[in-house]
């Protein structure tokens, strides 16, 4: 995974600031789908033997028993396999030039954001099997009330960790040493971004007002 990457079905671009660029966008590793696969196989076997048992026990009229078995297995398949698959499909892990975003939810959406300037450390954990498959978990340490954020089943966590560090460093350099040829976001854009962070609970009202006043003094 090198360079900038995105899935065909991606994070809504209208939720990004005008200056904000997507570095990468990923769904969880396919290893998260293994339970759904095992349930699908197991329930298929259950359905097969259930039908065989219905034919043996209810020789005269096995159709009713088969309908009941089929309905129960189908319901179990939806709950244990289809719903987890949809959760995987609608989960996105996104790094932009400004923030780290996790977004999930089939119908109702839940999004969590960490501004890059608040990230203190990023570590990853891999079991032996995760290492073979190229998966792992990320633990993001950030300043603020949340402290730690765990992101599970990340693809190639070592590369993702490096890309987060690189983008965080670039972001800090832009904030600390804006070059004369660098055209950063306008003051209104920065205030709008701060307002979004306040609405999402990342910044308190006091922090928002303090940063807003700092920006207004530059005008």
N, C-alpha and C. Protein backbone atom coordinates (compact mmCIF):
# COMPACT_ATOMS: atom_id res chain seq x y z
N UNK A 1 0.86 -1.20 0.00
CA UNK A 1 0.00 0.00 0.00
C UNK A 1 0.89 1.23 0.00
N UNK A 2 1.04 1.83 -1.13
CA UNK A 2 1.88 3.01 -1.23
C UNK A 2 1.10 4.10 -1.92
N UNK A 3 1.45 5.35 -1.60
CA UNK A 3 0.75 6.47 -2.21
C UNK A 3 -0.65 6.64 -1.68
N UNK A 4 -1.45 7.31 -2.48
CA UNK A 4 -2.81 7.62 -2.05
C UNK A 4 -3.76 6.58 -2.60
N UNK A 5 -4.65 6.08 -1.74
CA UNK A 5 -5.47 4.91 -2.07
C UNK A 5 -6.88 5.15 -1.62
N UNK A 6 -7.85 4.72 -2.43
CA UNK A 6 -9.24 4.83 -1.99
C UNK A 6 -10.06 3.69 -2.59
N UNK A 7 -11.12 3.33 -1.87
CA UNK A 7 -12.05 2.31 -2.34
C UNK A 7 -13.04 2.95 -3.29
N UNK A 8 -13.64 2.14 -4.20
CA UNK A 8 -14.67 2.68 -5.09
C UNK A 8 -15.81 3.33 -4.32
N UNK A 9 -16.28 2.67 -3.25
CA UNK A 9 -17.31 3.26 -2.41
C UNK A 9 -16.60 3.91 -1.23
N UNK A 10 -16.55 5.24 -1.21
CA UNK A 10 -15.63 5.90 -0.32
C UNK A 10 -16.33 6.89 0.61
N UNK A 11 -15.51 7.51 1.45
CA UNK A 11 -15.98 8.52 2.39
C UNK A 11 -16.56 9.70 1.61
N UNK A 12 -17.72 10.22 2.03
CA UNK A 12 -18.33 11.34 1.29
C UNK A 12 -17.39 12.54 1.21
N UNK A 13 -17.05 12.94 0.01
CA UNK A 13 -16.08 14.02 -0.16
C UNK A 13 -16.63 15.38 0.27
N UNK A 14 -17.96 15.50 0.37
CA UNK A 14 -18.52 16.77 0.82
C UNK A 14 -18.31 16.99 2.32
N UNK A 15 -17.83 15.96 3.04
CA UNK A 15 -17.52 16.11 4.46
C UNK A 15 -16.06 16.51 4.70
N UNK A 16 -15.31 16.69 3.62
CA UNK A 16 -13.92 17.12 3.73
C UNK A 16 -13.82 18.62 3.49
N UNK A 17 -12.86 19.25 4.14
CA UNK A 17 -12.60 20.67 3.89
C UNK A 17 -12.02 20.84 2.48
N UNK A 18 -12.10 22.06 1.96
CA UNK A 18 -11.65 22.31 0.59
C UNK A 18 -10.18 21.96 0.40
N UNK A 19 -9.37 22.23 1.41
CA UNK A 19 -7.93 22.01 1.30
C UNK A 19 -7.52 20.58 1.68
N UNK A 20 -8.46 19.80 2.22
CA UNK A 20 -8.13 18.50 2.81
C UNK A 20 -7.98 17.43 1.73
N UNK A 21 -6.92 16.63 1.84
CA UNK A 21 -6.64 15.58 0.88
C UNK A 21 -6.69 14.21 1.56
N UNK A 22 -7.18 13.21 0.83
CA UNK A 22 -7.24 11.84 1.34
C UNK A 22 -5.90 11.16 1.06
N UNK A 23 -5.28 10.63 2.12
CA UNK A 23 -4.02 9.90 1.99
C UNK A 23 -4.30 8.43 1.70
N UNK A 24 -5.15 7.81 2.51
CA UNK A 24 -5.61 6.45 2.21
C UNK A 24 -6.99 6.23 2.81
N UNK A 25 -7.67 5.24 2.27
CA UNK A 25 -9.01 4.89 2.72
C UNK A 25 -9.15 3.37 2.62
N UNK A 26 -9.44 2.71 3.73
CA UNK A 26 -9.44 1.25 3.79
C UNK A 26 -10.66 0.72 4.50
N UNK A 27 -11.07 -0.46 4.11
CA UNK A 27 -11.99 -1.25 4.92
C UNK A 27 -11.16 -2.16 5.81
N UNK A 28 -11.76 -2.77 6.83
CA UNK A 28 -11.01 -3.72 7.65
C UNK A 28 -10.50 -4.88 6.81
N UNK A 29 -9.46 -5.54 7.30
CA UNK A 29 -8.89 -6.70 6.62
C UNK A 29 -9.95 -7.79 6.47
N UNK A 30 -9.82 -8.58 5.39
CA UNK A 30 -10.82 -9.63 5.14
C UNK A 30 -10.84 -10.69 6.24
N UNK A 31 -9.82 -10.73 7.10
CA UNK A 31 -9.82 -11.71 8.20
C UNK A 31 -11.03 -11.49 9.11
N UNK A 32 -11.57 -10.25 9.12
CA UNK A 32 -12.75 -9.98 9.92
C UNK A 32 -13.98 -10.71 9.40
N UNK A 33 -13.92 -11.21 8.16
CA UNK A 33 -15.05 -11.93 7.57
C UNK A 33 -15.01 -13.43 7.85
N UNK A 34 -13.93 -13.93 8.47
CA UNK A 34 -13.82 -15.37 8.70
C UNK A 34 -14.98 -15.93 9.54
N UNK A 35 -15.40 -15.25 10.63
CA UNK A 35 -16.56 -15.78 11.37
C UNK A 35 -17.81 -15.92 10.50
N UNK A 36 -18.05 -14.95 9.62
CA UNK A 36 -19.20 -15.04 8.72
C UNK A 36 -19.07 -16.24 7.78
N UNK A 37 -17.86 -16.48 7.30
CA UNK A 37 -17.63 -17.62 6.42
C UNK A 37 -17.86 -18.94 7.16
N UNK A 38 -17.34 -19.05 8.38
CA UNK A 38 -17.51 -20.28 9.16
C UNK A 38 -18.99 -20.53 9.46
N UNK A 39 -19.73 -19.47 9.81
CA UNK A 39 -21.15 -19.63 10.08
C UNK A 39 -21.90 -20.05 8.83
N UNK A 40 -21.53 -19.49 7.68
CA UNK A 40 -22.19 -19.86 6.43
C UNK A 40 -21.99 -21.34 6.12
N UNK A 41 -20.75 -21.81 6.26
CA UNK A 41 -20.47 -23.23 6.01
C UNK A 41 -21.18 -24.11 7.03
N UNK A 42 -21.09 -23.73 8.31
CA UNK A 42 -21.71 -24.53 9.36
C UNK A 42 -23.22 -24.61 9.23
N UNK A 43 -23.85 -23.49 8.90
CA UNK A 43 -25.31 -23.49 8.74
C UNK A 43 -25.73 -24.23 7.47
N UNK A 44 -24.88 -24.18 6.43
CA UNK A 44 -25.19 -24.96 5.24
C UNK A 44 -25.18 -26.46 5.52
N UNK A 45 -24.20 -26.89 6.33
CA UNK A 45 -24.14 -28.30 6.73
C UNK A 45 -25.35 -28.66 7.59
N UNK A 46 -25.69 -27.75 8.52
CA UNK A 46 -26.86 -27.98 9.38
C UNK A 46 -28.13 -28.12 8.55
N UNK A 47 -28.28 -27.25 7.53
CA UNK A 47 -29.47 -27.31 6.68
C UNK A 47 -29.54 -28.64 5.93
N UNK A 48 -28.39 -29.10 5.42
CA UNK A 48 -28.35 -30.35 4.66
C UNK A 48 -28.78 -31.53 5.54
N UNK A 49 -28.18 -31.64 6.72
CA UNK A 49 -28.50 -32.77 7.59
C UNK A 49 -29.90 -32.62 8.20
N UNK A 50 -30.35 -31.36 8.38
CA UNK A 50 -31.70 -31.14 8.86
C UNK A 50 -32.74 -31.65 7.88
N UNK A 51 -32.50 -31.37 6.59
CA UNK A 51 -33.42 -31.87 5.56
C UNK A 51 -33.40 -33.41 5.50
N UNK A 52 -32.20 -33.99 5.65
CA UNK A 52 -32.10 -35.44 5.64
C UNK A 52 -32.87 -36.04 6.82
N UNK A 53 -32.76 -35.40 8.00
CA UNK A 53 -33.47 -35.89 9.18
C UNK A 53 -34.98 -35.75 9.00
N UNK A 54 -35.41 -34.62 8.37
CA UNK A 54 -36.85 -34.42 8.15
C UNK A 54 -37.41 -35.51 7.23
N UNK A 55 -36.67 -35.88 6.19
CA UNK A 55 -37.12 -36.95 5.29
C UNK A 55 -37.22 -38.29 6.01
N UNK A 56 -36.28 -38.53 6.95
CA UNK A 56 -36.26 -39.81 7.65
C UNK A 56 -37.33 -39.90 8.73
N UNK A 57 -37.57 -38.79 9.42
CA UNK A 57 -38.51 -38.81 10.55
C UNK A 57 -39.95 -38.62 10.07
N UNK A 58 -40.13 -37.68 9.14
CA UNK A 58 -41.49 -37.38 8.66
C UNK A 58 -41.62 -37.89 7.22
N UNK A 59 -41.66 -39.19 7.08
CA UNK A 59 -41.66 -39.78 5.75
C UNK A 59 -42.90 -39.39 4.94
N UNK A 60 -44.06 -39.25 5.59
CA UNK A 60 -45.30 -38.97 4.88
C UNK A 60 -45.37 -37.51 4.41
N UNK A 61 -44.97 -36.59 5.28
CA UNK A 61 -45.09 -35.16 4.95
C UNK A 61 -43.92 -34.38 5.57
N UNK A 62 -42.72 -34.44 4.95
CA UNK A 62 -41.56 -33.76 5.55
C UNK A 62 -41.48 -32.28 5.21
N UNK A 63 -42.36 -31.77 4.33
CA UNK A 63 -42.24 -30.40 3.84
C UNK A 63 -42.37 -29.36 4.96
N UNK A 64 -43.32 -29.60 5.90
CA UNK A 64 -43.51 -28.64 6.99
C UNK A 64 -42.25 -28.54 7.84
N UNK A 65 -41.70 -29.72 8.18
CA UNK A 65 -40.46 -29.72 8.98
C UNK A 65 -39.32 -29.04 8.23
N UNK A 66 -39.24 -29.29 6.92
CA UNK A 66 -38.19 -28.65 6.13
C UNK A 66 -38.36 -27.13 6.09
N UNK A 67 -39.61 -26.69 6.02
CA UNK A 67 -39.86 -25.23 6.01
C UNK A 67 -39.42 -24.59 7.31
N UNK A 68 -39.71 -25.26 8.43
CA UNK A 68 -39.30 -24.73 9.74
C UNK A 68 -37.78 -24.70 9.85
N UNK A 69 -37.14 -25.81 9.47
CA UNK A 69 -35.68 -25.87 9.54
C UNK A 69 -35.05 -24.81 8.64
N UNK A 70 -35.59 -24.69 7.41
CA UNK A 70 -35.06 -23.69 6.48
C UNK A 70 -35.22 -22.27 7.00
N UNK A 71 -36.37 -21.98 7.61
CA UNK A 71 -36.60 -20.63 8.15
C UNK A 71 -35.66 -20.31 9.29
N UNK A 72 -35.47 -21.28 10.22
CA UNK A 72 -34.57 -21.06 11.36
C UNK A 72 -33.13 -20.86 10.89
N UNK A 73 -32.68 -21.72 9.96
CA UNK A 73 -31.31 -21.60 9.46
C UNK A 73 -31.11 -20.29 8.70
N UNK A 74 -32.09 -19.89 7.91
CA UNK A 74 -31.98 -18.63 7.17
C UNK A 74 -31.89 -17.43 8.12
N UNK A 75 -32.72 -17.43 9.16
CA UNK A 75 -32.68 -16.34 10.14
C UNK A 75 -31.33 -16.31 10.84
N UNK A 76 -30.84 -17.48 11.23
CA UNK A 76 -29.53 -17.54 11.88
C UNK A 76 -28.43 -17.06 10.94
N UNK A 77 -28.53 -17.42 9.65
CA UNK A 77 -27.53 -16.99 8.67
C UNK A 77 -27.51 -15.47 8.52
N UNK A 78 -28.69 -14.86 8.49
CA UNK A 78 -28.77 -13.40 8.37
C UNK A 78 -28.12 -12.73 9.58
N UNK A 79 -28.46 -13.22 10.78
CA UNK A 79 -27.95 -12.59 12.01
C UNK A 79 -26.45 -12.84 12.19
N UNK A 80 -25.99 -14.06 11.93
CA UNK A 80 -24.62 -14.45 12.25
C UNK A 80 -23.63 -14.23 11.11
N UNK A 81 -24.11 -14.12 9.87
CA UNK A 81 -23.20 -13.97 8.74
C UNK A 81 -23.44 -12.71 7.92
N UNK A 82 -24.69 -12.46 7.53
CA UNK A 82 -24.97 -11.32 6.65
C UNK A 82 -24.77 -9.98 7.37
N UNK A 83 -25.31 -9.86 8.58
CA UNK A 83 -25.17 -8.60 9.32
C UNK A 83 -23.70 -8.27 9.60
N UNK A 84 -22.88 -9.23 10.10
CA UNK A 84 -21.45 -8.92 10.26
C UNK A 84 -20.75 -8.53 8.95
N UNK A 85 -21.15 -9.17 7.83
CA UNK A 85 -20.57 -8.78 6.54
C UNK A 85 -20.92 -7.34 6.20
N UNK A 86 -22.17 -6.94 6.41
CA UNK A 86 -22.57 -5.56 6.12
C UNK A 86 -21.85 -4.57 7.02
N UNK A 87 -21.63 -4.96 8.28
CA UNK A 87 -20.86 -4.09 9.17
C UNK A 87 -19.46 -3.89 8.64
N UNK A 88 -18.85 -4.98 8.15
CA UNK A 88 -17.51 -4.88 7.56
C UNK A 88 -17.54 -3.97 6.32
N UNK A 89 -18.53 -4.16 5.49
CA UNK A 89 -18.60 -3.42 4.23
C UNK A 89 -18.76 -1.92 4.46
N UNK A 90 -19.52 -1.55 5.49
CA UNK A 90 -19.79 -0.14 5.75
C UNK A 90 -18.86 0.46 6.80
N UNK A 91 -17.74 -0.20 7.09
CA UNK A 91 -16.73 0.35 7.99
C UNK A 91 -15.56 0.88 7.17
N UNK A 92 -15.17 2.12 7.41
CA UNK A 92 -14.07 2.75 6.69
C UNK A 92 -13.06 3.31 7.68
N UNK A 93 -11.80 3.22 7.29
CA UNK A 93 -10.69 3.76 8.07
C UNK A 93 -9.97 4.72 7.14
N UNK A 94 -9.92 5.99 7.51
CA UNK A 94 -9.51 7.04 6.58
C UNK A 94 -8.44 7.93 7.21
N UNK A 95 -7.39 8.20 6.44
CA UNK A 95 -6.38 9.18 6.85
C UNK A 95 -6.37 10.30 5.83
N UNK A 96 -6.53 11.53 6.32
CA UNK A 96 -6.45 12.70 5.45
C UNK A 96 -5.27 13.56 5.88
N UNK A 97 -5.07 14.66 5.19
CA UNK A 97 -3.98 15.57 5.54
C UNK A 97 -4.24 16.29 6.85
N UNK A 98 -5.47 16.17 7.41
CA UNK A 98 -5.81 16.87 8.65
C UNK A 98 -6.17 15.96 9.80
N UNK A 99 -6.70 14.74 9.52
CA UNK A 99 -7.28 13.95 10.60
C UNK A 99 -7.31 12.46 10.26
N UNK A 100 -7.52 11.67 11.31
CA UNK A 100 -7.69 10.23 11.21
C UNK A 100 -9.14 9.93 11.54
N UNK A 101 -9.84 9.20 10.65
CA UNK A 101 -11.28 9.02 10.78
C UNK A 101 -11.62 7.53 10.74
N UNK A 102 -12.48 7.09 11.66
CA UNK A 102 -13.10 5.77 11.55
C UNK A 102 -14.60 6.00 11.43
N UNK A 103 -15.22 5.31 10.49
CA UNK A 103 -16.64 5.52 10.19
C UNK A 103 -17.29 4.16 10.02
N UNK A 104 -18.39 3.92 10.74
CA UNK A 104 -19.06 2.62 10.65
C UNK A 104 -20.56 2.83 10.80
N UNK A 105 -21.31 1.78 10.47
CA UNK A 105 -22.76 1.84 10.60
C UNK A 105 -23.45 1.47 9.31
N UNK A 106 -24.42 0.55 9.38
CA UNK A 106 -25.16 0.12 8.20
C UNK A 106 -26.20 1.16 7.81
N UNK A 107 -27.00 1.58 8.77
CA UNK A 107 -28.03 2.60 8.53
C UNK A 107 -27.64 3.89 9.27
N UNK A 108 -27.63 3.82 10.61
CA UNK A 108 -27.14 4.93 11.41
C UNK A 108 -25.61 4.93 11.35
N UNK A 109 -25.01 6.08 11.15
CA UNK A 109 -23.57 6.18 11.00
C UNK A 109 -22.93 6.68 12.29
N UNK A 110 -21.78 6.09 12.61
CA UNK A 110 -20.99 6.54 13.75
C UNK A 110 -19.59 6.86 13.25
N UNK A 111 -19.14 8.08 13.50
CA UNK A 111 -17.83 8.51 13.02
C UNK A 111 -17.00 9.03 14.19
N UNK A 112 -15.73 8.67 14.20
CA UNK A 112 -14.79 9.17 15.22
C UNK A 112 -13.59 9.77 14.51
N UNK A 113 -13.19 10.96 14.94
CA UNK A 113 -12.10 11.66 14.29
C UNK A 113 -11.03 12.06 15.31
N UNK A 114 -9.78 11.99 14.87
CA UNK A 114 -8.65 12.45 15.69
C UNK A 114 -7.84 13.42 14.84
N UNK A 115 -7.79 14.70 15.19
CA UNK A 115 -6.94 15.63 14.44
C UNK A 115 -5.48 15.18 14.53
N UNK A 116 -4.74 15.33 13.45
CA UNK A 116 -3.36 14.84 13.41
C UNK A 116 -2.49 15.52 14.46
N UNK A 117 -2.79 16.79 14.76
CA UNK A 117 -1.95 17.48 15.73
C UNK A 117 -2.14 16.95 17.16
N UNK A 118 -3.21 16.16 17.38
CA UNK A 118 -3.44 15.60 18.70
C UNK A 118 -2.85 14.19 18.87
N UNK A 119 -2.37 13.59 17.78
CA UNK A 119 -1.83 12.24 17.87
C UNK A 119 -0.45 12.27 18.50
N UNK A 120 -0.28 11.51 19.59
CA UNK A 120 0.99 11.43 20.29
C UNK A 120 1.79 10.19 19.91
N UNK A 121 1.10 9.08 19.69
CA UNK A 121 1.81 7.83 19.42
C UNK A 121 0.86 6.86 18.70
N UNK A 122 1.44 6.00 17.87
CA UNK A 122 0.68 4.96 17.18
C UNK A 122 1.46 3.65 17.32
N UNK A 123 0.83 2.63 17.90
CA UNK A 123 1.45 1.31 18.02
C UNK A 123 0.55 0.28 17.36
N UNK A 124 1.12 -0.88 17.01
CA UNK A 124 0.31 -1.92 16.43
C UNK A 124 0.62 -3.26 17.08
N UNK A 125 -0.38 -4.13 17.10
CA UNK A 125 -0.25 -5.47 17.65
C UNK A 125 -0.61 -6.48 16.57
N UNK A 126 0.19 -7.56 16.49
CA UNK A 126 -0.06 -8.64 15.54
C UNK A 126 0.21 -9.98 16.21
N UNK A 127 -0.74 -10.89 16.10
CA UNK A 127 -0.47 -12.27 16.49
C UNK A 127 0.33 -12.93 15.36
N UNK A 128 0.78 -14.16 15.59
CA UNK A 128 1.51 -14.87 14.56
C UNK A 128 0.65 -15.03 13.30
N UNK A 129 -0.62 -15.42 13.50
CA UNK A 129 -1.52 -15.59 12.36
C UNK A 129 -1.79 -14.26 11.66
N UNK A 130 -1.95 -13.17 12.44
CA UNK A 130 -2.16 -11.85 11.84
C UNK A 130 -0.97 -11.47 10.96
N UNK A 131 0.23 -11.78 11.43
CA UNK A 131 1.43 -11.44 10.67
C UNK A 131 1.46 -12.19 9.33
N UNK A 132 1.06 -13.45 9.36
CA UNK A 132 1.01 -14.25 8.14
C UNK A 132 0.00 -13.66 7.16
N UNK A 133 -1.15 -13.23 7.69
CA UNK A 133 -2.24 -12.74 6.84
C UNK A 133 -2.10 -11.27 6.48
N UNK A 134 -1.20 -10.55 7.16
CA UNK A 134 -1.04 -9.13 6.88
C UNK A 134 -2.08 -8.26 7.55
N UNK A 135 -2.50 -8.65 8.75
CA UNK A 135 -3.50 -7.89 9.49
C UNK A 135 -2.95 -7.51 10.86
N UNK A 136 -3.67 -6.67 11.58
CA UNK A 136 -3.26 -6.29 12.93
C UNK A 136 -4.16 -5.20 13.48
N UNK A 137 -3.93 -4.84 14.73
CA UNK A 137 -4.70 -3.78 15.39
C UNK A 137 -3.80 -2.58 15.64
N UNK A 138 -4.36 -1.39 15.48
CA UNK A 138 -3.65 -0.15 15.77
C UNK A 138 -4.17 0.45 17.07
N UNK A 139 -3.28 0.98 17.88
CA UNK A 139 -3.65 1.71 19.09
C UNK A 139 -3.12 3.12 18.95
N UNK A 140 -4.03 4.08 18.85
CA UNK A 140 -3.67 5.48 18.63
C UNK A 140 -3.80 6.24 19.94
N UNK A 141 -2.68 6.80 20.40
CA UNK A 141 -2.66 7.63 21.61
C UNK A 141 -2.83 9.08 21.19
N UNK A 142 -3.81 9.75 21.79
CA UNK A 142 -4.06 11.14 21.42
C UNK A 142 -4.34 11.98 22.65
N UNK A 143 -4.08 13.27 22.52
CA UNK A 143 -4.38 14.20 23.60
C UNK A 143 -5.89 14.43 23.63
N UNK A 144 -6.42 14.66 24.83
CA UNK A 144 -7.85 14.89 24.97
C UNK A 144 -8.51 13.86 25.85
N UNK A 145 -9.84 13.90 25.90
CA UNK A 145 -10.60 13.05 26.80
C UNK A 145 -10.54 11.58 26.41
N UNK A 146 -10.48 11.26 25.12
CA UNK A 146 -10.56 9.87 24.68
C UNK A 146 -9.28 9.10 24.96
N UNK A 147 -8.13 9.75 24.85
CA UNK A 147 -6.88 9.12 25.21
C UNK A 147 -6.42 8.07 24.22
N UNK A 148 -7.05 6.90 24.21
CA UNK A 148 -6.66 5.80 23.34
C UNK A 148 -7.82 5.39 22.43
N UNK A 149 -7.48 5.11 21.18
CA UNK A 149 -8.45 4.60 20.22
C UNK A 149 -7.88 3.34 19.59
N UNK A 150 -8.60 2.23 19.70
CA UNK A 150 -8.15 0.97 19.08
C UNK A 150 -8.90 0.77 17.77
N UNK A 151 -8.14 0.50 16.73
CA UNK A 151 -8.70 0.23 15.41
C UNK A 151 -8.32 -1.19 15.05
N UNK A 152 -9.31 -2.07 14.90
CA UNK A 152 -9.06 -3.50 14.74
C UNK A 152 -9.04 -3.91 13.27
N UNK A 153 -8.31 -5.00 13.02
CA UNK A 153 -8.26 -5.64 11.69
C UNK A 153 -7.82 -4.66 10.60
N UNK A 154 -6.69 -4.01 10.84
CA UNK A 154 -6.14 -3.07 9.87
C UNK A 154 -5.25 -3.82 8.88
N UNK A 155 -5.36 -3.48 7.61
CA UNK A 155 -4.51 -4.08 6.59
C UNK A 155 -3.10 -3.52 6.69
N UNK A 156 -2.09 -4.38 6.66
CA UNK A 156 -0.68 -3.98 6.68
C UNK A 156 -0.42 -2.89 7.72
N UNK A 157 -0.60 -3.20 9.01
CA UNK A 157 -0.54 -2.17 10.05
C UNK A 157 0.80 -1.44 10.13
N UNK A 158 1.90 -2.12 9.79
CA UNK A 158 3.21 -1.45 9.83
C UNK A 158 3.25 -0.30 8.83
N UNK A 159 2.77 -0.54 7.61
CA UNK A 159 2.77 0.51 6.60
C UNK A 159 1.80 1.63 6.98
N UNK A 160 0.64 1.24 7.53
CA UNK A 160 -0.34 2.24 7.95
C UNK A 160 0.24 3.11 9.07
N UNK A 161 0.91 2.49 10.03
CA UNK A 161 1.55 3.22 11.12
C UNK A 161 2.54 4.24 10.57
N UNK A 162 3.38 3.81 9.59
CA UNK A 162 4.36 4.71 9.00
C UNK A 162 3.70 5.87 8.28
N UNK A 163 2.62 5.59 7.55
CA UNK A 163 1.93 6.65 6.82
C UNK A 163 1.29 7.66 7.77
N UNK A 164 0.78 7.18 8.90
CA UNK A 164 0.20 8.11 9.89
C UNK A 164 1.29 8.99 10.47
N UNK A 165 2.42 8.40 10.83
CA UNK A 165 3.53 9.18 11.37
C UNK A 165 4.00 10.22 10.35
N UNK A 166 4.14 9.80 9.09
CA UNK A 166 4.62 10.71 8.05
C UNK A 166 3.66 11.88 7.86
N UNK A 167 2.36 11.58 7.79
CA UNK A 167 1.38 12.64 7.58
C UNK A 167 1.28 13.55 8.81
N UNK A 168 1.40 12.96 10.01
CA UNK A 168 1.37 13.76 11.23
C UNK A 168 2.54 14.73 11.26
N UNK A 169 3.73 14.23 10.89
CA UNK A 169 4.90 15.10 10.86
C UNK A 169 4.74 16.21 9.83
N UNK A 170 4.23 15.87 8.65
CA UNK A 170 4.01 16.89 7.62
C UNK A 170 3.00 17.93 8.10
N UNK A 171 1.95 17.46 8.78
CA UNK A 171 0.93 18.38 9.28
C UNK A 171 1.52 19.32 10.33
N UNK A 172 2.33 18.77 11.24
CA UNK A 172 2.96 19.60 12.27
C UNK A 172 3.91 20.62 11.65
N UNK A 173 4.64 20.21 10.62
CA UNK A 173 5.55 21.14 9.95
C UNK A 173 4.79 22.26 9.27
N UNK A 174 3.64 21.94 8.69
CA UNK A 174 2.83 22.99 8.06
C UNK A 174 2.32 23.98 9.09
N UNK A 175 1.98 23.48 10.28
CA UNK A 175 1.43 24.36 11.31
C UNK A 175 2.52 25.21 11.96
N UNK A 176 3.71 24.62 12.14
CA UNK A 176 4.77 25.32 12.85
C UNK A 176 5.58 26.23 11.94
N UNK A 177 5.89 25.71 10.73
CA UNK A 177 6.74 26.47 9.82
C UNK A 177 6.06 26.61 8.46
N UNK A 178 5.03 27.44 8.37
CA UNK A 178 4.41 27.62 7.06
C UNK A 178 5.34 28.38 6.12
N UNK A 179 5.73 27.76 5.03
CA UNK A 179 6.66 28.38 4.09
C UNK A 179 5.98 29.47 3.29
N UNK A 180 6.78 30.37 2.70
CA UNK A 180 6.20 31.47 1.92
C UNK A 180 5.46 30.99 0.68
N UNK A 181 5.83 29.77 0.17
CA UNK A 181 5.16 29.28 -1.03
C UNK A 181 4.00 28.34 -0.71
N UNK A 182 3.78 28.11 0.59
CA UNK A 182 2.71 27.20 0.99
C UNK A 182 1.41 27.97 1.18
N UNK A 183 0.40 27.54 0.49
CA UNK A 183 -0.89 28.19 0.63
C UNK A 183 -1.79 27.31 1.48
N UNK A 184 -1.91 27.66 2.75
CA UNK A 184 -2.70 26.86 3.67
C UNK A 184 -4.17 27.25 3.62
N UNK A 185 -4.97 26.60 4.43
CA UNK A 185 -6.40 26.92 4.46
C UNK A 185 -6.65 28.33 4.97
N UNK A 186 -7.70 28.95 4.49
CA UNK A 186 -8.04 30.30 4.92
C UNK A 186 -8.53 30.29 6.37
N UNK A 187 -8.56 31.47 6.97
CA UNK A 187 -9.03 31.61 8.36
C UNK A 187 -10.46 31.10 8.50
N UNK A 188 -11.40 31.48 7.61
CA UNK A 188 -12.77 30.94 7.73
C UNK A 188 -12.82 29.42 7.61
N UNK A 189 -11.98 28.85 6.72
CA UNK A 189 -11.95 27.38 6.60
C UNK A 189 -11.48 26.73 7.88
N UNK A 190 -10.45 27.33 8.52
CA UNK A 190 -9.93 26.77 9.76
C UNK A 190 -10.97 26.87 10.89
N UNK A 191 -11.70 27.98 10.94
CA UNK A 191 -12.74 28.13 11.96
C UNK A 191 -13.87 27.13 11.72
N UNK A 192 -14.22 26.92 10.44
CA UNK A 192 -15.26 25.93 10.12
C UNK A 192 -14.82 24.53 10.52
N UNK A 193 -13.54 24.21 10.31
CA UNK A 193 -13.02 22.90 10.71
C UNK A 193 -13.07 22.74 12.23
N UNK A 194 -12.71 23.81 12.95
CA UNK A 194 -12.78 23.76 14.41
C UNK A 194 -14.22 23.57 14.88
N UNK A 195 -15.16 24.21 14.20
CA UNK A 195 -16.58 24.08 14.57
C UNK A 195 -17.05 22.64 14.41
N UNK A 196 -16.59 21.98 13.33
CA UNK A 196 -16.96 20.58 13.15
C UNK A 196 -16.40 19.71 14.26
N UNK A 197 -15.17 20.00 14.66
CA UNK A 197 -14.56 19.22 15.75
C UNK A 197 -15.30 19.44 17.06
N UNK A 198 -15.78 20.68 17.29
CA UNK A 198 -16.55 20.94 18.51
C UNK A 198 -17.86 20.18 18.49
N UNK A 199 -18.55 20.17 17.34
CA UNK A 199 -19.82 19.45 17.22
C UNK A 199 -19.65 17.95 17.46
N UNK A 200 -18.50 17.42 17.07
CA UNK A 200 -18.24 15.99 17.23
C UNK A 200 -17.68 15.65 18.60
N UNK A 201 -17.47 16.65 19.45
CA UNK A 201 -17.00 16.40 20.80
C UNK A 201 -15.50 16.30 20.93
N UNK A 202 -14.75 16.55 19.84
CA UNK A 202 -13.28 16.48 19.92
C UNK A 202 -12.73 17.67 20.68
N UNK A 203 -13.32 18.85 20.45
CA UNK A 203 -12.93 20.06 21.17
C UNK A 203 -14.06 20.50 22.10
N UNK A 204 -13.66 20.99 23.27
CA UNK A 204 -14.66 21.57 24.18
C UNK A 204 -14.99 22.97 23.67
N UNK A 205 -16.07 23.57 24.23
CA UNK A 205 -16.46 24.92 23.82
C UNK A 205 -15.36 25.92 24.14
N UNK A 206 -14.71 25.74 25.30
CA UNK A 206 -13.63 26.65 25.69
C UNK A 206 -12.44 26.54 24.74
N UNK A 207 -12.09 25.30 24.36
CA UNK A 207 -10.97 25.11 23.42
C UNK A 207 -11.31 25.72 22.06
N UNK A 208 -12.55 25.52 21.63
CA UNK A 208 -12.97 26.09 20.35
C UNK A 208 -12.86 27.60 20.36
N UNK A 209 -13.36 28.24 21.41
CA UNK A 209 -13.34 29.71 21.48
C UNK A 209 -11.91 30.23 21.54
N UNK A 210 -11.05 29.52 22.28
CA UNK A 210 -9.65 29.97 22.39
C UNK A 210 -8.95 29.91 21.05
N UNK A 211 -9.12 28.80 20.32
CA UNK A 211 -8.48 28.66 19.02
C UNK A 211 -9.09 29.64 17.99
N UNK A 212 -10.39 29.85 18.12
CA UNK A 212 -11.05 30.79 17.22
C UNK A 212 -10.49 32.20 17.40
N UNK A 213 -10.30 32.61 18.66
CA UNK A 213 -9.75 33.94 18.92
C UNK A 213 -8.32 34.07 18.41
N UNK A 214 -7.54 32.98 18.53
CA UNK A 214 -6.16 33.00 18.00
C UNK A 214 -6.18 33.23 16.49
N UNK A 215 -7.10 32.57 15.80
CA UNK A 215 -7.18 32.73 14.34
C UNK A 215 -7.65 34.12 13.96
N UNK A 216 -8.62 34.66 14.70
CA UNK A 216 -9.16 36.00 14.39
C UNK A 216 -8.11 37.08 14.57
N UNK A 217 -7.15 36.86 15.49
CA UNK A 217 -6.10 37.85 15.71
C UNK A 217 -5.15 37.96 14.51
N UNK A 218 -5.15 36.91 13.66
CA UNK A 218 -4.24 36.93 12.50
C UNK A 218 -4.81 37.74 11.33
N UNK A 219 -6.11 38.05 11.44
CA UNK A 219 -6.74 38.80 10.32
C UNK A 219 -6.29 40.26 10.33
